[in-house]
Amino acid sequence: MIRYEHPLNERIRTLMRLEDLFARTGFYASRDDAPDHHAALLSLFEITEVAARADLKADLVQELERQKQVLAPLRSNPQIDQGRLAILLADIEQVSGNLLAHAGKAGTHLRENEWLMAIKQRAAIPGGVCEFDLPAYHHWLNKPAAARRQDLAGWIEPFAPIRTGSAIVLRLLRENSRVSRHTASRGVFQLMLTTTKVAQLLRLTLDQNPPYVPEISANKYALNIRFIGVSGMDRGKVVDQDMDFELAFCNL
């Protein structure tokens, strides 16, 4: 099984980019080697750029509050796992408070660090962070791994409310889906979207992992999918065979 996700608006696209960057940063930061910690720092710089969107925190707080209003009445529903619901509502309450408690743009603590900004500026130049360019950075990379991990944790921690809030919103979005099976005739599938199928995220799942990938384009009126070859003579061409797949429309 292989799954492809396609966001249908800019807000979900931003949250998914942050999700990927947080996962990458956490992976590299947890390791010991200096090149891994360099990669973690570069990903952290990317998070700073993506999370700097002025309305990001406001959007997260608004969506979390809306979800709380939707979920709270379920406390009286005997068919709902009340333990899981209570944990989810508590998480929403906590992360909303943490987001509201952080004034200003996300990543301000990094922008105010001249040493980190010098690294970020040089990192944009191919080979620009060699030891003769940034001797202080070279010194940091040669510190014990535990010390570097501690520094990275301190730089990552202020992003925790955004990371947690984004994770909750994306989790609720993915769990609220309508799934259906389809066949792309000779590699092409088209579907007119009605008001009942308005979605914020598409999830396409293939039964196997063939050397083809879905090329998805969609708006509120129509969905178009073409399966494109990625290797050999089929690279870049629409597949000339029927493709079965599962499609999920996700909405909050």
C-alpha atoms as a PDB file:
ATOM      1  CA  MET A   1       0.000   0.000   0.000  1.00  0.00           C
ATOM      2  CA  ILE A   2       1.205   3.496  -0.807  1.00  0.00           C
ATOM      3  CA  ARG A   3      -0.738   6.667  -0.027  1.00  0.00           C
ATOM      4  CA  TYR A   4      -0.547  10.092  -1.647  1.00  0.00           C
ATOM      5  CA  GLU A   5      -2.060  13.167   0.000  1.00  0.00           C
ATOM      6  CA  HIS A   6      -3.070  16.321  -1.840  1.00  0.00           C
ATOM      7  CA  PRO A   7      -4.137  19.446   0.112  1.00  0.00           C
ATOM      8  CA  LEU A   8      -6.907  21.495  -1.442  1.00  0.00           C
ATOM      9  CA  ASN A   9      -6.271  24.842   0.234  1.00  0.00           C
ATOM     10  CA  GLU A  10      -3.295  26.908   1.356  1.00  0.00           C
ATOM     11  CA  ARG A  11      -3.922  26.447   5.071  1.00  0.00           C
ATOM     12  CA  ILE A  12      -3.757  22.641   4.921  1.00  0.00           C
ATOM     13  CA  ARG A  13      -0.775  22.867   2.563  1.00  0.00           C
ATOM     14  CA  THR A  14       1.085  24.939   5.181  1.00  0.00           C
ATOM     15  CA  LEU A  15       0.225  22.531   8.010  1.00  0.00           C
ATOM     16  CA  MET A  16       1.425  19.549   5.970  1.00  0.00           C
ATOM     17  CA  ARG A  17       4.698  21.308   5.159  1.00  0.00           C
ATOM     18  CA  LEU A  18       5.211  21.992   8.848  1.00  0.00           C
ATOM     19  CA  GLU A  19       4.377  18.374   9.687  1.00  0.00           C
ATOM     20  CA  ASP A  20       7.070  17.160   7.295  1.00  0.00           C
ATOM     21  CA  LEU A  21       9.638  19.668   8.562  1.00  0.00           C
ATOM     22  CA  PHE A  22       8.986  18.884  12.242  1.00  0.00           C
ATOM     23  CA  ALA A  23       9.370  15.158  11.544  1.00  0.00           C
ATOM     24  CA  ARG A  24      12.622  15.741   9.669  1.00  0.00           C
ATOM     25  CA  THR A  25      14.005  18.062  12.343  1.00  0.00           C
ATOM     26  CA  GLY A  26      13.127  15.642  15.132  1.00  0.00           C
ATOM     27  CA  PHE A  27      14.724  12.731  13.288  1.00  0.00           C
ATOM     28  CA  TYR A  28      18.042  14.449  12.684  1.00  0.00           C
ATOM     29  CA  ALA A  29      18.130  16.163  16.089  1.00  0.00           C
ATOM     30  CA  SER A  30      17.801  12.812  17.871  1.00  0.00           C
ATOM     31  CA  ARG A  31      20.966  11.451  16.256  1.00  0.00           C
ATOM     32  CA  ASP A  32      24.594  11.949  17.316  1.00  0.00           C
ATOM     33  CA  ASP A  33      26.641  12.879  14.258  1.00  0.00           C
ATOM     34  CA  ALA A  34      27.489  16.481  13.394  1.00  0.00           C
ATOM     35  CA  PRO A  35      26.121  16.216   9.799  1.00  0.00           C
ATOM     36  CA  ASP A  36      22.759  15.094  11.245  1.00  0.00           C
ATOM     37  CA  HIS A  37      22.648  18.089  13.576  1.00  0.00           C
ATOM     38  CA  HIS A  38      23.551  20.361  10.669  1.00  0.00           C
ATOM     39  CA  ALA A  39      20.593  18.898   8.738  1.00  0.00           C
ATOM     40  CA  ALA A  40      18.352  19.428  11.786  1.00  0.00           C
ATOM     41  CA  LEU A  41      19.372  23.077  11.945  1.00  0.00           C
ATOM     42  CA  LEU A  42      18.670  23.610   8.246  1.00  0.00           C
ATOM     43  CA  SER A  43      15.193  22.088   8.680  1.00  0.00           C
ATOM     44  CA  LEU A  44      14.647  24.329  11.687  1.00  0.00           C
ATOM     45  CA  PHE A  45      15.421  27.360   9.534  1.00  0.00           C
ATOM     46  CA  GLU A  46      12.777  26.151   7.063  1.00  0.00           C
ATOM     47  CA  ILE A  47      10.254  25.822   9.899  1.00  0.00           C
ATOM     48  CA  THR A  48      11.007  29.413  10.858  1.00  0.00           C
ATOM     49  CA  GLU A  49      10.155  30.590   7.352  1.00  0.00           C
ATOM     50  CA  VAL A  50       6.964  28.534   6.994  1.00  0.00           C
ATOM     51  CA  ALA A  51       5.680  29.257  10.515  1.00  0.00           C
ATOM     52  CA  ALA A  52       6.257  33.005  10.151  1.00  0.00           C
ATOM     53  CA  ARG A  53       2.948  33.387   8.299  1.00  0.00           C
ATOM     54  CA  ALA A  54       1.147  36.108  10.199  1.00  0.00           C
ATOM     55  CA  ASP A  55      -2.209  34.343  10.430  1.00  0.00           C
ATOM     56  CA  LEU A  56      -0.915  30.833  11.213  1.00  0.00           C
ATOM     57  CA  LYS A  57      -1.395  30.935  14.977  1.00  0.00           C
ATOM     58  CA  ALA A  58      -4.757  32.693  14.673  1.00  0.00           C
ATOM     59  CA  ASP A  59      -5.944  30.061  12.175  1.00  0.00           C
ATOM     60  CA  LEU A  60      -4.850  27.232  14.477  1.00  0.00           C
ATOM     61  CA  VAL A  61      -6.534  28.747  17.535  1.00  0.00           C
ATOM     62  CA  GLN A  62      -9.746  29.375  15.575  1.00  0.00           C
ATOM     63  CA  GLU A  63      -9.843  25.835  14.163  1.00  0.00           C
ATOM     64  CA  LEU A  64      -9.071  24.226  17.528  1.00  0.00           C
ATOM     65  CA  GLU A  65     -11.827  26.244  19.183  1.00  0.00           C
ATOM     66  CA  ARG A  66     -14.255  25.194  16.441  1.00  0.00           C
ATOM     67  CA  GLN A  67     -13.327  21.544  16.932  1.00  0.00           C
ATOM     68  CA  LYS A  68     -13.806  21.884  20.673  1.00  0.00           C
ATOM     69  CA  GLN A  69     -17.323  23.226  20.098  1.00  0.00           C
ATOM     70  CA  VAL A  70     -18.068  20.283  17.788  1.00  0.00           C
ATOM     71  CA  LEU A  71     -16.616  17.624  20.102  1.00  0.00           C
ATOM     72  CA  ALA A  72     -17.867  18.879  23.483  1.00  0.00           C
ATOM     73  CA  PRO A  73     -21.513  17.779  22.959  1.00  0.00           C
ATOM     74  CA  LEU A  74     -20.285  14.222  22.343  1.00  0.00           C
ATOM     75  CA  ARG A  75     -19.623  13.870  26.076  1.00  0.00           C
ATOM     76  CA  SER A  76     -23.211  12.691  26.442  1.00  0.00           C
ATOM     77  CA  ASN A  77     -23.014  10.142  23.611  1.00  0.00           C
ATOM     78  CA  PRO A  78     -22.698   6.593  25.009  1.00  0.00           C
ATOM     79  CA  GLN A  79     -21.280   5.335  21.687  1.00  0.00           C
ATOM     80  CA  ILE A  80     -18.207   7.557  22.036  1.00  0.00           C
ATOM     81  CA  ASP A  81     -15.062   6.472  23.892  1.00  0.00           C
ATOM     82  CA  GLN A  82     -15.269   9.051  26.670  1.00  0.00           C
ATOM     83  CA  GLY A  83     -11.691   8.478  27.793  1.00  0.00           C
ATOM     84  CA  ARG A  84     -10.234   9.294  24.378  1.00  0.00           C
ATOM     85  CA  LEU A  85     -12.618  12.221  23.970  1.00  0.00           C
ATOM     86  CA  ALA A  86     -11.587  13.697  27.324  1.00  0.00           C
ATOM     87  CA  ILE A  87      -7.889  13.412  26.421  1.00  0.00           C
ATOM     88  CA  LEU A  88      -8.474  15.055  23.043  1.00  0.00           C
ATOM     89  CA  LEU A  89     -10.465  17.947  24.521  1.00  0.00           C
ATOM     90  CA  ALA A  90      -7.800  18.462  27.194  1.00  0.00           C
ATOM     91  CA  ASP A  91      -5.080  18.518  24.532  1.00  0.00           C
ATOM     92  CA  ILE A  92      -7.034  21.065  22.484  1.00  0.00           C
ATOM     93  CA  GLU A  93      -7.550  23.260  25.553  1.00  0.00           C
ATOM     94  CA  GLN A  94      -3.879  23.125  26.493  1.00  0.00           C
ATOM     95  CA  VAL A  95      -2.430  23.798  23.065  1.00  0.00           C
ATOM     96  CA  SER A  96      -4.892  26.659  22.461  1.00  0.00           C
ATOM     97  CA  GLY A  97      -3.721  28.282  25.680  1.00  0.00           C
ATOM     98  CA  ASN A  98      -0.079  27.788  24.735  1.00  0.00           C
ATOM     99  CA  LEU A  99      -0.620  29.324  21.304  1.00  0.00           C
ATOM    100  CA  LEU A 100      -2.349  32.360  22.806  1.00  0.00           C
ATOM    101  CA  ALA A 101       0.441  32.755  25.364  1.00  0.00           C
ATOM    102  CA  HIS A 102       3.103  33.165  22.649  1.00  0.00           C
ATOM    103  CA  ALA A 103       3.061  36.736  21.383  1.00  0.00           C
ATOM    104  CA  GLY A 104       4.573  37.745  18.065  1.00  0.00           C
ATOM    105  CA  LYS A 105       5.613  35.640  15.103  1.00  0.00           C
ATOM    106  CA  ALA A 106       6.791  32.081  15.514  1.00  0.00           C
ATOM    107  CA  GLY A 107      10.570  31.756  15.354  1.00  0.00           C
ATOM    108  CA  THR A 108      11.359  35.185  16.810  1.00  0.00           C
ATOM    109  CA  HIS A 109      13.803  33.546  19.229  1.00  0.00           C
ATOM    110  CA  LEU A 110      15.849  32.339  16.250  1.00  0.00           C
ATOM    111  CA  ARG A 111      15.686  35.593  14.313  1.00  0.00           C
ATOM    112  CA  GLU A 112      17.027  37.453  17.347  1.00  0.00           C
ATOM    113  CA  ASN A 113      20.035  35.106  17.543  1.00  0.00           C
ATOM    114  CA  GLU A 114      22.689  36.751  15.347  1.00  0.00           C
ATOM    115  CA  TRP A 115      24.893  33.645  15.368  1.00  0.00           C
ATOM    116  CA  LEU A 116      22.090  31.425  14.044  1.00  0.00           C
ATOM    117  CA  MET A 117      21.074  34.006  11.444  1.00  0.00           C
ATOM    118  CA  ALA A 118      24.667  34.159  10.198  1.00  0.00           C
ATOM    119  CA  ILE A 119      24.574  30.382   9.729  1.00  0.00           C
ATOM    120  CA  LYS A 120      21.205  30.621   7.955  1.00  0.00           C
ATOM    121  CA  GLN A 121      22.528  33.287   5.594  1.00  0.00           C
ATOM    122  CA  ARG A 122      25.687  31.332   4.757  1.00  0.00           C
ATOM    123  CA  ALA A 123      23.714  28.080   4.370  1.00  0.00           C
ATOM    124  CA  ALA A 124      21.935  29.621   1.370  1.00  0.00           C
ATOM    125  CA  ILE A 125      25.310  29.673  -0.428  1.00  0.00           C
ATOM    126  CA  PRO A 126      26.497  26.321  -1.849  1.00  0.00           C
ATOM    127  CA  GLY A 127      29.280  25.141   0.443  1.00  0.00           C
ATOM    128  CA  GLY A 128      28.938  28.339   2.449  1.00  0.00           C
ATOM    129  CA  VAL A 129      29.215  26.791   5.914  1.00  0.00           C
ATOM    130  CA  CYS A 130      32.728  25.407   5.656  1.00  0.00           C
ATOM    131  CA  GLU A 131      34.925  25.767   8.743  1.00  0.00           C
ATOM    132  CA  PHE A 132      36.889  28.658   7.201  1.00  0.00           C
ATOM    133  CA  ASP A 133      33.600  30.544   6.600  1.00  0.00           C
ATOM    134  CA  LEU A 134      32.057  29.950  10.041  1.00  0.00           C
ATOM    135  CA  PRO A 135      34.716  28.858  12.548  1.00  0.00           C
ATOM    136  CA  ALA A 136      32.308  29.358  15.469  1.00  0.00           C
ATOM    137  CA  TYR A 137      29.837  26.980  13.820  1.00  0.00           C
ATOM    138  CA  HIS A 138      32.649  24.492  13.211  1.00  0.00           C
ATOM    139  CA  HIS A 139      33.433  24.725  16.920  1.00  0.00           C
ATOM    140  CA  TRP A 140      29.769  24.002  17.788  1.00  0.00           C
ATOM    141  CA  LEU A 141      29.659  21.001  15.462  1.00  0.00           C
ATOM    142  CA  ASN A 142      32.669  19.565  17.300  1.00  0.00           C
ATOM    143  CA  LYS A 143      31.052  19.862  20.732  1.00  0.00           C
ATOM    144  CA  PRO A 144      29.827  16.633  22.394  1.00  0.00           C
ATOM    145  CA  ALA A 145      26.655  15.274  20.768  1.00  0.00           C
ATOM    146  CA  ALA A 146      24.696  15.637  24.026  1.00  0.00           C
ATOM    147  CA  ALA A 147      25.521  19.355  24.179  1.00  0.00           C
ATOM    148  CA  ARG A 148      24.416  19.898  20.568  1.00  0.00           C
ATOM    149  CA  ARG A 149      21.189  17.984  21.184  1.00  0.00           C
ATOM    150  CA  GLN A 150      20.493  20.175  24.208  1.00  0.00           C
ATOM    151  CA  ASP A 151      20.965  23.326  22.129  1.00  0.00           C
ATOM    152  CA  LEU A 152      18.735  21.983  19.359  1.00  0.00           C
ATOM    153  CA  ALA A 153      16.032  21.052  21.873  1.00  0.00           C
ATOM    154  CA  GLY A 154      16.097  24.594  23.215  1.00  0.00           C
ATOM    155  CA  TRP A 155      15.686  26.053  19.729  1.00  0.00           C
ATOM    156  CA  ILE A 156      12.918  23.607  18.792  1.00  0.00           C
ATOM    157  CA  GLU A 157      10.885  23.826  22.020  1.00  0.00           C
ATOM    158  CA  PRO A 158       9.264  27.258  21.362  1.00  0.00           C
ATOM    159  CA  PHE A 159       7.659  25.758  18.238  1.00  0.00           C
ATOM    160  CA  ALA A 160       5.949  23.035  20.329  1.00  0.00           C
ATOM    161  CA  PRO A 161       2.482  24.707  20.432  1.00  0.00           C
ATOM    162  CA  ILE A 162       2.434  25.068  16.639  1.00  0.00           C
ATOM    163  CA  ARG A 163       3.676  21.501  16.168  1.00  0.00           C
ATOM    164  CA  THR A 164       1.057  20.066  18.548  1.00  0.00           C
ATOM    165  CA  GLY A 165      -1.766  22.241  17.247  1.00  0.00           C
ATOM    166  CA  SER A 166      -0.989  21.329  13.642  1.00  0.00           C
ATOM    167  CA  ALA A 167      -0.828  17.632  14.531  1.00  0.00           C
ATOM    168  CA  ILE A 168      -4.267  17.745  16.186  1.00  0.00           C
ATOM    169  CA  VAL A 169      -5.888  19.545  13.240  1.00  0.00           C
ATOM    170  CA  LEU A 170      -4.350  17.193  10.665  1.00  0.00           C
ATOM    171  CA  ARG A 171      -5.276  14.133  12.703  1.00  0.00           C
ATOM    172  CA  LEU A 172      -8.922  15.211  12.965  1.00  0.00           C
ATOM    173  CA  LEU A 173      -8.937  16.060   9.262  1.00  0.00           C
ATOM    174  CA  ARG A 174      -7.597  12.666   8.205  1.00  0.00           C
ATOM    175  CA  GLU A 175      -9.975  10.786  10.488  1.00  0.00           C
ATOM    176  CA  ASN A 176     -13.017  12.612   9.095  1.00  0.00           C
ATOM    177  CA  SER A 177     -13.101  11.151   5.600  1.00  0.00           C
ATOM    178  CA  ARG A 178     -15.369   9.566   3.016  1.00  0.00           C
ATOM    179  CA  VAL A 179     -13.695   6.652   1.253  1.00  0.00           C
ATOM    180  CA  SER A 180     -14.612   5.222  -2.147  1.00  0.00           C
ATOM    181  CA  ARG A 181     -13.059   2.894  -4.745  1.00  0.00           C
ATOM    182  CA  HIS A 182     -12.428   4.043  -8.310  1.00  0.00           C
ATOM    183  CA  THR A 183     -10.744   3.012 -11.560  1.00  0.00           C
ATOM    184  CA  ALA A 184      -8.719   5.339 -13.746  1.00  0.00           C
ATOM    185  CA  SER A 185      -9.533   4.285 -17.311  1.00  0.00           C
ATOM    186  CA  ARG A 186      -6.261   4.109 -19.251  1.00  0.00           C
ATOM    187  CA  GLY A 187      -4.589   6.046 -16.469  1.00  0.00           C
ATOM    188  CA  VAL A 188      -7.023   8.980 -16.363  1.00  0.00           C
ATOM    189  CA  PHE A 189      -9.768   9.742 -13.830  1.00  0.00           C
ATOM    190  CA  GLN A 190     -12.107  12.730 -13.679  1.00  0.00           C
ATOM    191  CA  LEU A 191     -14.813  13.564 -11.177  1.00  0.00           C
ATOM    192  CA  MET A 192     -17.134  16.541 -10.940  1.00  0.00           C
ATOM    193  CA  LEU A 193     -17.338  17.714  -7.340  1.00  0.00           C
ATOM    194  CA  THR A 194     -20.688  18.612  -5.845  1.00  0.00           C
ATOM    195  CA  THR A 195     -21.279  20.589  -2.663  1.00  0.00           C
ATOM    196  CA  THR A 196     -21.550  17.293  -0.783  1.00  0.00           C
ATOM    197  CA  LYS A 197     -17.957  16.462  -1.701  1.00  0.00           C
ATOM    198  CA  VAL A 198     -16.249  19.700  -0.721  1.00  0.00           C
ATOM    199  CA  ALA A 199     -12.986  18.608   0.858  1.00  0.00           C
ATOM    200  CA  GLN A 200      -9.795  20.078   2.280  1.00  0.00           C
ATOM    201  CA  LEU A 201      -7.578  17.067   1.681  1.00  0.00           C
ATOM    202  CA  LEU A 202      -7.529  14.159  -0.764  1.00  0.00           C
ATOM    203  CA  ARG A 203      -5.904  10.837   0.162  1.00  0.00           C
ATOM    204  CA  LEU A 204      -5.253   8.446  -2.690  1.00  0.00           C
ATOM    205  CA  THR A 205      -4.226   4.876  -1.874  1.00  0.00           C
ATOM    206  CA  LEU A 206      -2.950   2.275  -4.330  1.00  0.00           C
ATOM    207  CA  ASP A 207      -3.181  -1.445  -3.642  1.00  0.00           C
ATOM    208  CA  GLN A 208       0.433  -1.890  -4.651  1.00  0.00           C
ATOM    209  CA  ASN A 209       3.487   0.177  -5.461  1.00  0.00           C
ATOM    210  CA  PRO A 210       3.798   0.231  -9.264  1.00  0.00           C
ATOM    211  CA  PRO A 211       6.292   2.511 -11.078  1.00  0.00           C
ATOM    212  CA  TYR A 212       3.550   5.118 -11.514  1.00  0.00           C
ATOM    213  CA  VAL A 213       2.535   8.166  -9.503  1.00  0.00           C
ATOM    214  CA  PRO A 214      -0.743  10.110  -9.453  1.00  0.00           C
ATOM    215  CA  GLU A 215      -0.647  13.642 -10.811  1.00  0.00           C
ATOM    216  CA  ILE A 216      -3.538  15.371  -9.031  1.00  0.00           C
ATOM    217  CA  SER A 217      -5.205  18.669  -9.863  1.00  0.00           C
ATOM    218  CA  ALA A 218      -8.389  19.782  -8.176  1.00  0.00           C
ATOM    219  CA  ASN A 219     -10.566  22.741  -7.311  1.00  0.00           C
ATOM    220  CA  LYS A 220     -14.018  23.057  -5.775  1.00  0.00           C
ATOM    221  CA  TYR A 221     -15.641  22.053  -9.075  1.00  0.00           C
ATOM    222  CA  ALA A 222     -13.634  19.131 -10.437  1.00  0.00           C
ATOM    223  CA  LEU A 223     -10.963  16.559  -9.672  1.00  0.00           C
ATOM    224  CA  ASN A 224      -8.520  15.290 -12.295  1.00  0.00           C
ATOM    225  CA  ILE A 225      -6.022  12.473 -11.741  1.00  0.00           C
ATOM    226  CA  ARG A 226      -3.490  11.150 -14.246  1.00  0.00           C
ATOM    227  CA  PHE A 227      -1.165   8.266 -13.470  1.00  0.00           C
ATOM    228  CA  ILE A 228       2.305   9.066 -14.793  1.00  0.00           C
ATOM    229  CA  GLY A 229       5.235   6.703 -15.298  1.00  0.00           C
ATOM    230  CA  VAL A 230       8.390   7.408 -13.281  1.00  0.00           C
ATOM    231  CA  SER A 231      10.914   5.030 -14.823  1.00  0.00           C
ATOM    232  CA  GLY A 232      12.119   3.647 -18.137  1.00  0.00           C
ATOM    233  CA  MET A 233      10.301   4.385 -21.355  1.00  0.00           C
ATOM    234  CA  ASP A 234       7.119   5.308 -19.429  1.00  0.00           C
ATOM    235  CA  ARG A 235       8.744   8.200 -17.547  1.00  0.00           C
ATOM    236  CA  GLY A 236       6.525  11.287 -17.826  1.00  0.00           C
ATOM    237  CA  LYS A 237       3.850   9.494 -19.871  1.00  0.00           C
ATOM    238  CA  VAL A 238       0.268   8.734 -18.898  1.00  0.00           C
ATOM    239  CA  VAL A 239      -0.128   5.031 -18.134  1.00  0.00           C
ATOM    240  CA  ASP A 240      -1.994   3.173 -20.878  1.00  0.00           C
ATOM    241  CA  GLN A 241      -3.833   0.799 -18.560  1.00  0.00           C
ATOM    242  CA  ASP A 242      -6.629   0.837 -15.997  1.00  0.00           C
ATOM    243  CA  MET A 243      -5.541   1.734 -12.463  1.00  0.00           C
ATOM    244  CA  ASP A 244      -7.624   0.808  -9.400  1.00  0.00           C
ATOM    245  CA  PHE A 245      -7.292   3.063  -6.377  1.00  0.00           C
ATOM    246  CA  GLU A 246      -8.999   4.195  -3.185  1.00  0.00           C
ATOM    247  CA  LEU A 247      -9.910   7.852  -2.742  1.00  0.00           C
ATOM    248  CA  ALA A 248     -10.727   9.576   0.536  1.00  0.00           C
ATOM    249  CA  PHE A 249     -12.230  13.070   0.773  1.00  0.00           C
ATOM    250  CA  CYS A 250     -11.267  14.590   4.129  1.00  0.00           C
ATOM    251  CA  ASN A 251     -12.916  17.596   5.711  1.00  0.00           C
ATOM    252  CA  LEU A 252     -13.026  19.207   9.145  1.00  0.00           C
END
